[in-house]
Amino acid sequence: MIEAENLTKRYGDKVAVDSVTFSVEPGRVTGFLGPNGAGKSTTMRMIMGLDRPTSGRVTVNGKPYAQHRAPLLEVGALLEAKAVHTGSSARNHLRALAATHGIGIKRVEEVIELTGLTDVARKRVGGFSLGMGQRLGIAAAMMGDPKTLVLDEPVNGLDPEGVKWVRTMVRYLASEGRTVFLSSHLMSEMAITADDIIVIGRGRIITTGSVDDIIAASTTGSVKVRSPRATELAEALQRDGVTITSTDSEVITVAGLQASAIGDLAAGRGIALHELTPISASLEEAFMTLTAGEVEYHSEAPVASAAAASSTQEASR
């Protein structure tokens, strides 16, 4: 279990993490989301004792990381996959890590096989692809068979098979009662991997909760309706709080009403429905809504700008 209480980190005048309080429960996968610069990596570094909090505290399994007598057996972390001597082989890197905690060679071979590194175990790490580096970092995190895992962007650089492997692995580890805390920018992947979500922006916790609860609280679902009398139905549905958009003459999308209410109204007016499909919002939509005011850098319609530039060039020819 990971518990943070009023955790704060300042770098001079900049507040990177601002009095955050949260808990990460065992037996569940907890996703950590936020825009770039939100404070995710700094928070994870404080969990692992790599950065000292300015104030507040964070504990792993009841103690600050540095106070564990055998920390590798308590918590495994992937924070910087490239923090490896490039001239070392994957196997030798893992053996050296294991030796610091009295872990046997058998466990080294187990994590090599577990993470799919068998064919490259003798190769120098400096020649590894980004994805292979990620696998090596996960192997190191798993070395002590820890109760808790802290993984910063574990699927970064992985191919689809590797992404699926990480998803399956972390869910299996959580099912064993371990605490799994991971960040990712892949919202679609996080939506099917995580049980709970913590959203941070500009160093402050924006919201916490289950994936479903966060989506439900942050977005409005809609209903796709197909009918030969779609225009007539749209007029009948007009009321405060209801938004109706049309994609063609027989299809409308209705936000603000349940599918059952739309169906009842259509039946009462004798309007045939060919489709009545509730559309749930996505975690990505919820994330964009929650963090809309927390992003440090905004892009401004690059497609439109490019098109305008192209038109200007054409006109000048």
C-alpha atoms as a PDB file:
ATOM      1  CA  MET A   1       0.000   0.000   0.000  1.00  0.00           C
ATOM      2  CA  ILE A   2       1.143   3.528  -0.781  1.00  0.00           C
ATOM      3  CA  GLU A   3      -0.051   6.452   1.342  1.00  0.00           C
ATOM      4  CA  ALA A   4       0.741  10.117   0.714  1.00  0.00           C
ATOM      5  CA  GLU A   5      -0.238  12.823   3.171  1.00  0.00           C
ATOM      6  CA  ASN A   6       0.086  16.521   2.334  1.00  0.00           C
ATOM      7  CA  LEU A   7       3.040  15.623   0.123  1.00  0.00           C
ATOM      8  CA  THR A   8       4.759  18.749  -1.226  1.00  0.00           C
ATOM      9  CA  LYS A   9       7.854  19.364  -3.328  1.00  0.00           C
ATOM     10  CA  ARG A  10       9.238  22.781  -4.219  1.00  0.00           C
ATOM     11  CA  TYR A  11      12.179  23.623  -6.462  1.00  0.00           C
ATOM     12  CA  GLY A  12      12.969  27.206  -5.569  1.00  0.00           C
ATOM     13  CA  ASP A  13       9.850  29.233  -6.343  1.00  0.00           C
ATOM     14  CA  LYS A  14       8.281  26.423  -8.387  1.00  0.00           C
ATOM     15  CA  VAL A  15       5.829  24.100  -6.643  1.00  0.00           C
ATOM     16  CA  ALA A  16       6.045  20.757  -8.456  1.00  0.00           C
ATOM     17  CA  VAL A  17       3.765  18.858  -6.064  1.00  0.00           C
ATOM     18  CA  ASP A  18       1.339  20.814  -3.919  1.00  0.00           C
ATOM     19  CA  SER A  19       0.094  19.149  -0.709  1.00  0.00           C
ATOM     20  CA  VAL A  20      -1.276  15.983  -2.311  1.00  0.00           C
ATOM     21  CA  THR A  21      -3.005  13.289  -0.273  1.00  0.00           C
ATOM     22  CA  PHE A  22      -3.953   9.911  -1.708  1.00  0.00           C
ATOM     23  CA  SER A  23      -3.722   6.181  -1.131  1.00  0.00           C
ATOM     24  CA  VAL A  24      -3.014   3.302  -3.493  1.00  0.00           C
ATOM     25  CA  GLU A  25      -4.704   0.111  -2.338  1.00  0.00           C
ATOM     26  CA  PRO A  26      -3.350  -3.439  -2.585  1.00  0.00           C
ATOM     27  CA  GLY A  27      -5.109  -5.859  -4.887  1.00  0.00           C
ATOM     28  CA  ARG A  28      -5.901  -3.149  -7.446  1.00  0.00           C
ATOM     29  CA  VAL A  29      -4.221  -1.450 -10.394  1.00  0.00           C
ATOM     30  CA  THR A  30      -4.181   2.296  -9.827  1.00  0.00           C
ATOM     31  CA  GLY A  31      -3.493   4.592 -12.767  1.00  0.00           C
ATOM     32  CA  PHE A  32      -1.767   7.951 -12.293  1.00  0.00           C
ATOM     33  CA  LEU A  33      -2.801  10.477 -14.941  1.00  0.00           C
ATOM     34  CA  GLY A  34      -1.924  14.069 -15.643  1.00  0.00           C
ATOM     35  CA  PRO A  35      -0.631  16.387 -18.383  1.00  0.00           C
ATOM     36  CA  ASN A  36       3.108  16.824 -18.908  1.00  0.00           C
ATOM     37  CA  GLY A  37       4.534  18.816 -16.010  1.00  0.00           C
ATOM     38  CA  ALA A  38       1.658  17.895 -13.701  1.00  0.00           C
ATOM     39  CA  GLY A  39       3.936  16.371 -11.044  1.00  0.00           C
ATOM     40  CA  LYS A  40       3.555  12.652 -11.767  1.00  0.00           C
ATOM     41  CA  SER A  41       7.242  11.779 -12.043  1.00  0.00           C
ATOM     42  CA  THR A  42       8.177  13.950  -9.068  1.00  0.00           C
ATOM     43  CA  THR A  43       5.554  12.211  -6.949  1.00  0.00           C
ATOM     44  CA  MET A  44       6.837   8.799  -7.993  1.00  0.00           C
ATOM     45  CA  ARG A  45      10.414   9.822  -7.236  1.00  0.00           C
ATOM     46  CA  MET A  46       9.373  10.872  -3.730  1.00  0.00           C
ATOM     47  CA  ILE A  47       7.632   7.531  -3.221  1.00  0.00           C
ATOM     48  CA  MET A  48      10.928   5.822  -4.082  1.00  0.00           C
ATOM     49  CA  GLY A  49      13.022   8.090  -1.872  1.00  0.00           C
ATOM     50  CA  LEU A  50      14.853   9.649  -4.819  1.00  0.00           C
ATOM     51  CA  ASP A  51      13.547  13.128  -4.007  1.00  0.00           C
ATOM     52  CA  ARG A  52      13.048  14.403  -0.461  1.00  0.00           C
ATOM     53  CA  PRO A  53       9.643  16.029   0.154  1.00  0.00           C
ATOM     54  CA  THR A  54       9.694  19.681   1.106  1.00  0.00           C
ATOM     55  CA  SER A  55       6.873  18.825   3.503  1.00  0.00           C
ATOM     56  CA  GLY A  56       4.386  16.036   4.089  1.00  0.00           C
ATOM     57  CA  ARG A  57       5.189  12.344   3.888  1.00  0.00           C
ATOM     58  CA  VAL A  58       4.706   9.255   1.763  1.00  0.00           C
ATOM     59  CA  THR A  59       4.985   5.641   2.905  1.00  0.00           C
ATOM     60  CA  VAL A  60       5.165   2.284   1.160  1.00  0.00           C
ATOM     61  CA  ASN A  61       3.782  -0.646   3.127  1.00  0.00           C
ATOM     62  CA  GLY A  62       3.772   1.458   6.279  1.00  0.00           C
ATOM     63  CA  LYS A  63       7.274   2.984   6.067  1.00  0.00           C
ATOM     64  CA  PRO A  64       9.166   5.556   4.010  1.00  0.00           C
ATOM     65  CA  TYR A  65      11.039   3.717   1.278  1.00  0.00           C
ATOM     66  CA  ALA A  66      14.472   4.441   2.782  1.00  0.00           C
ATOM     67  CA  GLN A  67      13.518   2.839   6.103  1.00  0.00           C
ATOM     68  CA  HIS A  68      12.886  -0.617   4.631  1.00  0.00           C
ATOM     69  CA  ARG A  69      15.772  -2.970   5.447  1.00  0.00           C
ATOM     70  CA  ALA A  70      15.403  -4.747   2.082  1.00  0.00           C
ATOM     71  CA  PRO A  71      13.567  -2.199  -0.126  1.00  0.00           C
ATOM     72  CA  LEU A  72      13.853  -4.260  -3.321  1.00  0.00           C
ATOM     73  CA  LEU A  73      11.748  -6.944  -1.641  1.00  0.00           C
ATOM     74  CA  GLU A  74       9.081  -4.402  -0.700  1.00  0.00           C
ATOM     75  CA  VAL A  75       8.751  -2.241  -3.798  1.00  0.00           C
ATOM     76  CA  GLY A  76       9.970  -2.515  -7.368  1.00  0.00           C
ATOM     77  CA  ALA A  77      10.101   0.534  -9.615  1.00  0.00           C
ATOM     78  CA  LEU A  78      10.520   1.516 -13.244  1.00  0.00           C
ATOM     79  CA  LEU A  79      11.210   5.245 -13.282  1.00  0.00           C
ATOM     80  CA  GLU A  80      13.989   5.636 -15.850  1.00  0.00           C
ATOM     81  CA  ALA A  81      14.578   2.679 -18.145  1.00  0.00           C
ATOM     82  CA  LYS A  82      17.844   4.166 -19.481  1.00  0.00           C
ATOM     83  CA  ALA A  83      19.495   4.298 -16.035  1.00  0.00           C
ATOM     84  CA  VAL A  84      21.668   1.286 -16.866  1.00  0.00           C
ATOM     85  CA  HIS A  85      25.373   0.962 -17.715  1.00  0.00           C
ATOM     86  CA  THR A  86      25.283   0.665 -21.506  1.00  0.00           C
ATOM     87  CA  GLY A  87      28.326  -1.604 -21.658  1.00  0.00           C
ATOM     88  CA  SER A  88      26.772  -4.237 -19.428  1.00  0.00           C
ATOM     89  CA  SER A  89      24.697  -7.143 -20.682  1.00  0.00           C
ATOM     90  CA  ALA A  90      21.108  -7.468 -19.516  1.00  0.00           C
ATOM     91  CA  ARG A  91      21.938 -10.603 -17.519  1.00  0.00           C
ATOM     92  CA  ASN A  92      24.951  -9.035 -15.795  1.00  0.00           C
ATOM     93  CA  HIS A  93      22.979  -5.903 -14.942  1.00  0.00           C
ATOM     94  CA  LEU A  94      20.269  -7.990 -13.290  1.00  0.00           C
ATOM     95  CA  ARG A  95      22.822 -10.206 -11.507  1.00  0.00           C
ATOM     96  CA  ALA A  96      24.532  -7.159 -10.043  1.00  0.00           C
ATOM     97  CA  LEU A  97      21.191  -5.809  -8.868  1.00  0.00           C
ATOM     98  CA  ALA A  98      20.261  -9.159  -7.333  1.00  0.00           C
ATOM     99  CA  ALA A  99      23.587  -9.382  -5.492  1.00  0.00           C
ATOM    100  CA  THR A 100      22.844  -6.169  -3.585  1.00  0.00           C
ATOM    101  CA  HIS A 101      19.928  -7.939  -1.870  1.00  0.00           C
ATOM    102  CA  GLY A 102      21.250 -11.479  -1.671  1.00  0.00           C
ATOM    103  CA  ILE A 103      18.900 -12.668  -4.406  1.00  0.00           C
ATOM    104  CA  GLY A 104      19.976 -15.867  -6.153  1.00  0.00           C
ATOM    105  CA  ILE A 105      20.813 -16.355  -9.831  1.00  0.00           C
ATOM    106  CA  LYS A 106      17.710 -18.526 -10.249  1.00  0.00           C
ATOM    107  CA  ARG A 107      15.501 -15.465  -9.732  1.00  0.00           C
ATOM    108  CA  VAL A 108      17.534 -13.545 -12.316  1.00  0.00           C
ATOM    109  CA  GLU A 109      16.784 -16.205 -14.912  1.00  0.00           C
ATOM    110  CA  GLU A 110      13.108 -16.211 -13.895  1.00  0.00           C
ATOM    111  CA  VAL A 111      12.649 -12.489 -14.514  1.00  0.00           C
ATOM    112  CA  ILE A 112      14.598 -12.696 -17.771  1.00  0.00           C
ATOM    113  CA  GLU A 113      12.165 -15.329 -19.015  1.00  0.00           C
ATOM    114  CA  LEU A 114       9.164 -13.524 -17.531  1.00  0.00           C
ATOM    115  CA  THR A 115       9.957 -10.315 -19.403  1.00  0.00           C
ATOM    116  CA  GLY A 116      10.864 -11.911 -22.734  1.00  0.00           C
ATOM    117  CA  LEU A 117      14.572 -11.073 -22.588  1.00  0.00           C
ATOM    118  CA  THR A 118      15.945 -14.603 -23.024  1.00  0.00           C
ATOM    119  CA  ASP A 119      17.198 -14.093 -26.595  1.00  0.00           C
ATOM    120  CA  VAL A 120      18.956 -10.801 -25.771  1.00  0.00           C
ATOM    121  CA  ALA A 121      20.147 -11.495 -22.210  1.00  0.00           C
ATOM    122  CA  ARG A 122      23.816 -11.604 -23.302  1.00  0.00           C
ATOM    123  CA  LYS A 123      23.638  -8.473 -25.438  1.00  0.00           C
ATOM    124  CA  ARG A 124      24.900  -5.092 -24.289  1.00  0.00           C
ATOM    125  CA  VAL A 125      22.181  -2.809 -23.029  1.00  0.00           C
ATOM    126  CA  GLY A 126      23.540   0.051 -25.125  1.00  0.00           C
ATOM    127  CA  GLY A 127      22.226  -1.671 -28.238  1.00  0.00           C
ATOM    128  CA  PHE A 128      18.717  -2.196 -26.877  1.00  0.00           C
ATOM    129  CA  SER A 129      15.675  -0.651 -28.491  1.00  0.00           C
ATOM    130  CA  LEU A 130      13.397   1.514 -26.339  1.00  0.00           C
ATOM    131  CA  GLY A 131      10.990  -1.389 -25.926  1.00  0.00           C
ATOM    132  CA  MET A 132      13.716  -3.808 -24.838  1.00  0.00           C
ATOM    133  CA  GLY A 133      14.984  -1.196 -22.383  1.00  0.00           C
ATOM    134  CA  GLN A 134      11.491  -1.008 -20.917  1.00  0.00           C
ATOM    135  CA  ARG A 135      11.390  -4.791 -20.516  1.00  0.00           C
ATOM    136  CA  LEU A 136      14.756  -4.724 -18.748  1.00  0.00           C
ATOM    137  CA  GLY A 137      13.495  -2.016 -16.409  1.00  0.00           C
ATOM    138  CA  ILE A 138      10.412  -4.092 -15.592  1.00  0.00           C
ATOM    139  CA  ALA A 139      12.640  -7.143 -15.003  1.00  0.00           C
ATOM    140  CA  ALA A 140      14.651  -5.108 -12.497  1.00  0.00           C
ATOM    141  CA  ALA A 141      11.454  -3.948 -10.791  1.00  0.00           C
ATOM    142  CA  MET A 142      10.292  -7.560 -10.456  1.00  0.00           C
ATOM    143  CA  MET A 143      13.621  -8.859  -9.159  1.00  0.00           C
ATOM    144  CA  GLY A 144      12.707  -8.902  -5.471  1.00  0.00           C
ATOM    145  CA  ASP A 145       9.196 -10.311  -6.080  1.00  0.00           C
ATOM    146  CA  PRO A 146       7.919  -7.133  -4.379  1.00  0.00           C
ATOM    147  CA  LYS A 147       4.592  -6.431  -2.705  1.00  0.00           C
ATOM    148  CA  THR A 148       4.352  -3.078  -4.468  1.00  0.00           C
ATOM    149  CA  LEU A 149       5.175  -1.903  -7.995  1.00  0.00           C
ATOM    150  CA  VAL A 150       5.651   1.703  -9.115  1.00  0.00           C
ATOM    151  CA  LEU A 151       5.851   1.943 -12.904  1.00  0.00           C
ATOM    152  CA  ASP A 152       6.274   5.228 -14.767  1.00  0.00           C
ATOM    153  CA  GLU A 153       5.130   4.822 -18.394  1.00  0.00           C
ATOM    154  CA  PRO A 154       5.810   1.054 -18.512  1.00  0.00           C
ATOM    155  CA  VAL A 155       4.374   0.628 -22.039  1.00  0.00           C
ATOM    156  CA  ASN A 156       6.443   3.439 -23.560  1.00  0.00           C
ATOM    157  CA  GLY A 157       8.146   2.101 -26.703  1.00  0.00           C
ATOM    158  CA  LEU A 158       6.478  -1.308 -26.581  1.00  0.00           C
ATOM    159  CA  ASP A 159       4.802  -2.888 -29.589  1.00  0.00           C
ATOM    160  CA  PRO A 160       1.136  -4.036 -29.319  1.00  0.00           C
ATOM    161  CA  GLU A 161       2.175  -7.467 -28.056  1.00  0.00           C
ATOM    162  CA  GLY A 162       4.341  -5.846 -25.392  1.00  0.00           C
ATOM    163  CA  VAL A 163       1.551  -3.483 -24.341  1.00  0.00           C
ATOM    164  CA  LYS A 164      -0.822  -6.440 -23.949  1.00  0.00           C
ATOM    165  CA  TRP A 165       1.842  -8.296 -21.977  1.00  0.00           C
ATOM    166  CA  VAL A 166       2.245  -5.409 -19.495  1.00  0.00           C
ATOM    167  CA  ARG A 167      -1.540  -5.151 -19.116  1.00  0.00           C
ATOM    168  CA  THR A 168      -1.859  -8.870 -18.405  1.00  0.00           C
ATOM    169  CA  MET A 169       1.106  -8.852 -16.040  1.00  0.00           C
ATOM    170  CA  VAL A 170      -0.004  -5.946 -13.850  1.00  0.00           C
ATOM    171  CA  ARG A 171      -3.548  -7.254 -13.580  1.00  0.00           C
ATOM    172  CA  TYR A 172      -2.221 -10.675 -12.575  1.00  0.00           C
ATOM    173  CA  LEU A 173       0.059  -9.116  -9.951  1.00  0.00           C
ATOM    174  CA  ALA A 174      -2.839  -7.109  -8.527  1.00  0.00           C
ATOM    175  CA  SER A 175      -4.958 -10.268  -8.387  1.00  0.00           C
ATOM    176  CA  GLU A 176      -2.276 -11.717  -6.104  1.00  0.00           C
ATOM    177  CA  GLY A 177      -2.923  -8.890  -3.645  1.00  0.00           C
ATOM    178  CA  ARG A 178      -0.024  -6.641  -4.645  1.00  0.00           C
ATOM    179  CA  THR A 179      -0.180  -2.875  -4.964  1.00  0.00           C
ATOM    180  CA  VAL A 180       0.306  -1.666  -8.554  1.00  0.00           C
ATOM    181  CA  PHE A 181       0.739   2.052  -9.282  1.00  0.00           C
ATOM    182  CA  LEU A 182       1.448   3.088 -12.860  1.00  0.00           C
ATOM    183  CA  SER A 183       1.324   6.123 -15.102  1.00  0.00           C
ATOM    184  CA  SER A 184       0.628   6.171 -18.819  1.00  0.00           C
ATOM    185  CA  HIS A 185      -0.365   8.540 -21.595  1.00  0.00           C
ATOM    186  CA  LEU A 186      -2.296   5.776 -23.391  1.00  0.00           C
ATOM    187  CA  MET A 187      -5.819   6.498 -22.159  1.00  0.00           C
ATOM    188  CA  SER A 188      -7.420   3.606 -24.036  1.00  0.00           C
ATOM    189  CA  GLU A 189      -4.965   1.200 -22.418  1.00  0.00           C
ATOM    190  CA  MET A 190      -5.387   2.707 -18.958  1.00  0.00           C
ATOM    191  CA  ALA A 191      -9.171   2.407 -19.286  1.00  0.00           C
ATOM    192  CA  ILE A 192      -8.950  -1.373 -19.613  1.00  0.00           C
ATOM    193  CA  THR A 193      -5.982  -1.912 -17.282  1.00  0.00           C
ATOM    194  CA  ALA A 194      -6.667   0.242 -14.212  1.00  0.00           C
ATOM    195  CA  ASP A 195      -9.268  -0.282 -11.501  1.00  0.00           C
ATOM    196  CA  ASP A 196      -8.775   3.149  -9.948  1.00  0.00           C
ATOM    197  CA  ILE A 197      -7.491   6.468 -11.258  1.00  0.00           C
ATOM    198  CA  ILE A 198      -5.725   9.414  -9.628  1.00  0.00           C
ATOM    199  CA  VAL A 199      -5.688  12.557 -11.782  1.00  0.00           C
ATOM    200  CA  ILE A 200      -3.138  15.294 -11.023  1.00  0.00           C
ATOM    201  CA  GLY A 201      -2.751  18.718 -12.595  1.00  0.00           C
ATOM    202  CA  ARG A 202      -0.263  21.500 -11.785  1.00  0.00           C
ATOM    203  CA  GLY A 203       0.856  19.524  -8.746  1.00  0.00           C
ATOM    204  CA  ARG A 204      -2.601  19.101  -7.195  1.00  0.00           C
ATOM    205  CA  ILE A 205      -4.964  16.139  -7.103  1.00  0.00           C
ATOM    206  CA  ILE A 206      -7.940  16.885  -9.347  1.00  0.00           C
ATOM    207  CA  THR A 207      -9.946  13.745  -8.660  1.00  0.00           C
ATOM    208  CA  THR A 208      -9.680  10.124  -7.591  1.00  0.00           C
ATOM    209  CA  GLY A 209     -11.993   7.162  -8.005  1.00  0.00           C
ATOM    210  CA  SER A 210     -12.792   4.135 -10.114  1.00  0.00           C
ATOM    211  CA  VAL A 211     -12.506   4.431 -13.884  1.00  0.00           C
ATOM    212  CA  ASP A 212     -16.282   4.156 -14.327  1.00  0.00           C
ATOM    213  CA  ASP A 213     -17.056   6.712 -11.621  1.00  0.00           C
ATOM    214  CA  ILE A 214     -14.614   9.257 -13.034  1.00  0.00           C
ATOM    215  CA  ILE A 215     -16.022   8.891 -16.542  1.00  0.00           C
ATOM    216  CA  ALA A 216     -19.604   9.167 -15.279  1.00  0.00           C
ATOM    217  CA  ALA A 217     -18.873  12.244 -13.145  1.00  0.00           C
ATOM    218  CA  SER A 218     -16.833  14.101 -15.769  1.00  0.00           C
ATOM    219  CA  THR A 219     -18.698  13.475 -19.023  1.00  0.00           C
ATOM    220  CA  THR A 220     -22.171  13.236 -20.465  1.00  0.00           C
ATOM    221  CA  GLY A 221     -23.159  10.114 -22.355  1.00  0.00           C
ATOM    222  CA  SER A 222     -25.267  10.252 -25.477  1.00  0.00           C
ATOM    223  CA  VAL A 223     -27.622   8.085 -27.517  1.00  0.00           C
ATOM    224  CA  LYS A 224     -27.417   7.375 -31.226  1.00  0.00           C
ATOM    225  CA  VAL A 225     -30.886   7.238 -32.812  1.00  0.00           C
ATOM    226  CA  ARG A 226     -31.684   6.082 -36.336  1.00  0.00           C
ATOM    227  CA  SER A 227     -35.200   6.627 -37.679  1.00  0.00           C
ATOM    228  CA  PRO A 228     -36.851   7.481 -41.011  1.00  0.00           C
ATOM    229  CA  ARG A 229     -38.587  10.288 -39.066  1.00  0.00           C
ATOM    230  CA  ALA A 230     -35.454  11.519 -37.298  1.00  0.00           C
ATOM    231  CA  THR A 231     -36.202  15.206 -37.944  1.00  0.00           C
ATOM    232  CA  GLU A 232     -39.657  14.908 -36.426  1.00  0.00           C
ATOM    233  CA  LEU A 233     -38.275  13.026 -33.435  1.00  0.00           C
ATOM    234  CA  ALA A 234     -35.572  15.658 -32.894  1.00  0.00           C
ATOM    235  CA  GLU A 235     -38.225  18.385 -32.734  1.00  0.00           C
ATOM    236  CA  ALA A 236     -40.200  16.376 -30.190  1.00  0.00           C
ATOM    237  CA  LEU A 237     -37.108  15.867 -28.012  1.00  0.00           C
ATOM    238  CA  GLN A 238     -36.170  19.544 -27.826  1.00  0.00           C
ATOM    239  CA  ARG A 239     -36.126  20.738 -24.205  1.00  0.00           C
ATOM    240  CA  ASP A 240     -33.791  22.334 -21.666  1.00  0.00           C
ATOM    241  CA  GLY A 241     -30.681  20.282 -20.983  1.00  0.00           C
ATOM    242  CA  VAL A 242     -30.974  18.208 -24.158  1.00  0.00           C
ATOM    243  CA  THR A 243     -28.472  18.595 -26.998  1.00  0.00           C
ATOM    244  CA  ILE A 244     -29.222  17.104 -30.400  1.00  0.00           C
ATOM    245  CA  THR A 245     -26.807  16.799 -33.301  1.00  0.00           C
ATOM    246  CA  SER A 246     -27.475  15.314 -36.713  1.00  0.00           C
ATOM    247  CA  THR A 247     -25.120  13.351 -38.961  1.00  0.00           C
ATOM    248  CA  ASP A 248     -27.593  12.696 -41.786  1.00  0.00           C
ATOM    249  CA  SER A 249     -31.321  12.831 -42.469  1.00  0.00           C
ATOM    250  CA  GLU A 250     -32.056   9.624 -40.545  1.00  0.00           C
ATOM    251  CA  VAL A 251     -29.513   9.761 -37.695  1.00  0.00           C
ATOM    252  CA  ILE A 252     -29.400  12.017 -34.633  1.00  0.00           C
ATOM    253  CA  THR A 253     -27.254  11.941 -31.502  1.00  0.00           C
ATOM    254  CA  VAL A 254     -29.007  12.956 -28.296  1.00  0.00           C
ATOM    255  CA  ALA A 255     -27.203  14.062 -25.116  1.00  0.00           C
ATOM    256  CA  GLY A 256     -29.112  14.715 -21.904  1.00  0.00           C
ATOM    257  CA  LEU A 257     -31.738  11.956 -22.152  1.00  0.00           C
ATOM    258  CA  GLN A 258     -31.658   8.251 -21.391  1.00  0.00           C
ATOM    259  CA  ALA A 259     -32.293   5.796 -24.228  1.00  0.00           C
ATOM    260  CA  SER A 260     -35.435   4.554 -22.437  1.00  0.00           C
ATOM    261  CA  ALA A 261     -36.955   8.059 -22.367  1.00  0.00           C
ATOM    262  CA  ILE A 262     -36.244   8.534 -26.087  1.00  0.00           C
ATOM    263  CA  GLY A 263     -37.777   5.150 -26.882  1.00  0.00           C
ATOM    264  CA  ASP A 264     -40.898   5.892 -24.835  1.00  0.00           C
ATOM    265  CA  LEU A 265     -41.406   9.250 -26.525  1.00  0.00           C
ATOM    266  CA  ALA A 266     -40.948   7.731 -30.000  1.00  0.00           C
ATOM    267  CA  ALA A 267     -43.407   4.937 -29.215  1.00  0.00           C
ATOM    268  CA  GLY A 268     -45.976   7.409 -27.935  1.00  0.00           C
ATOM    269  CA  ARG A 269     -45.841   9.283 -31.242  1.00  0.00           C
ATOM    270  CA  GLY A 270     -45.772   6.183 -33.406  1.00  0.00           C
ATOM    271  CA  ILE A 271     -42.243   6.935 -34.673  1.00  0.00           C
ATOM    272  CA  ALA A 272     -40.361   3.835 -35.803  1.00  0.00           C
ATOM    273  CA  LEU A 273     -36.815   3.442 -34.500  1.00  0.00           C
ATOM    274  CA  HIS A 274     -34.237   1.461 -36.452  1.00  0.00           C
ATOM    275  CA  GLU A 275     -31.482   2.021 -33.888  1.00  0.00           C
ATOM    276  CA  LEU A 276     -31.304   3.219 -30.290  1.00  0.00           C
ATOM    277  CA  THR A 277     -27.726   2.873 -29.023  1.00  0.00           C
ATOM    278  CA  PRO A 278     -26.357   4.405 -25.784  1.00  0.00           C
ATOM    279  CA  ILE A 279     -22.824   5.768 -26.317  1.00  0.00           C
ATOM    280  CA  SER A 280     -20.573   5.902 -23.254  1.00  0.00           C
ATOM    281  CA  ALA A 281     -17.905   8.549 -22.961  1.00  0.00           C
ATOM    282  CA  SER A 282     -14.265   7.438 -22.867  1.00  0.00           C
ATOM    283  CA  LEU A 283     -11.589   7.887 -20.218  1.00  0.00           C
ATOM    284  CA  GLU A 284      -9.769  10.138 -22.695  1.00  0.00           C
ATOM    285  CA  GLU A 285     -12.797  12.455 -22.888  1.00  0.00           C
ATOM    286  CA  ALA A 286     -13.037  12.524 -19.098  1.00  0.00           C
ATOM    287  CA  PHE A 287      -9.306  13.246 -18.799  1.00  0.00           C
ATOM    288  CA  MET A 288      -9.471  16.102 -21.313  1.00  0.00           C
ATOM    289  CA  THR A 289     -12.433  17.599 -19.467  1.00  0.00           C
ATOM    290  CA  LEU A 290     -10.786  17.307 -16.057  1.00  0.00           C
ATOM    291  CA  THR A 291      -7.410  18.718 -17.134  1.00  0.00           C
ATOM    292  CA  ALA A 292      -8.581  21.366 -19.605  1.00  0.00           C
ATOM    293  CA  GLY A 293      -7.362  24.178 -17.348  1.00  0.00           C
ATOM    294  CA  GLU A 294      -4.268  22.381 -16.068  1.00  0.00           C
ATOM    295  CA  VAL A 295      -2.193  22.025 -19.255  1.00  0.00           C
ATOM    296  CA  GLU A 296       0.985  24.107 -19.342  1.00  0.00           C
ATOM    297  CA  TYR A 297       1.356  24.135 -23.130  1.00  0.00           C
ATOM    298  CA  HIS A 298      -1.515  24.371 -25.594  1.00  0.00           C
ATOM    299  CA  SER A 299      -1.298  23.702 -29.318  1.00  0.00           C
ATOM    300  CA  GLU A 300      -3.339  25.907 -31.591  1.00  0.00           C
ATOM    301  CA  ALA A 301      -5.071  24.157 -34.480  1.00  0.00           C
ATOM    302  CA  PRO A 302      -1.969  22.905 -36.303  1.00  0.00           C
ATOM    303  CA  VAL A 303      -4.033  21.440 -39.137  1.00  0.00           C
ATOM    304  CA  ALA A 304      -5.874  24.666 -39.729  1.00  0.00           C
ATOM    305  CA  SER A 305      -2.638  26.651 -39.502  1.00  0.00           C
ATOM    306  CA  ALA A 306      -0.952  24.342 -41.977  1.00  0.00           C
ATOM    307  CA  ALA A 307      -3.870  24.644 -44.353  1.00  0.00           C
ATOM    308  CA  ALA A 308      -3.791  28.424 -44.096  1.00  0.00           C
ATOM    309  CA  ALA A 309      -0.053  28.466 -44.748  1.00  0.00           C
ATOM    310  CA  SER A 310      -0.525  26.214 -47.757  1.00  0.00           C
ATOM    311  CA  SER A 311      -3.241  28.508 -49.140  1.00  0.00           C
ATOM    312  CA  THR A 312      -0.970  31.527 -48.693  1.00  0.00           C
ATOM    313  CA  GLN A 313       1.845  29.785 -50.560  1.00  0.00           C
ATOM    314  CA  GLU A 314      -0.478  28.817 -53.406  1.00  0.00           C
ATOM    315  CA  ALA A 315      -1.773  32.384 -53.713  1.00  0.00           C
ATOM    316  CA  SER A 316       1.752  33.772 -53.914  1.00  0.00           C
ATOM    317  CA  ARG A 317       2.765  31.522 -56.790  1.00  0.00           C
END
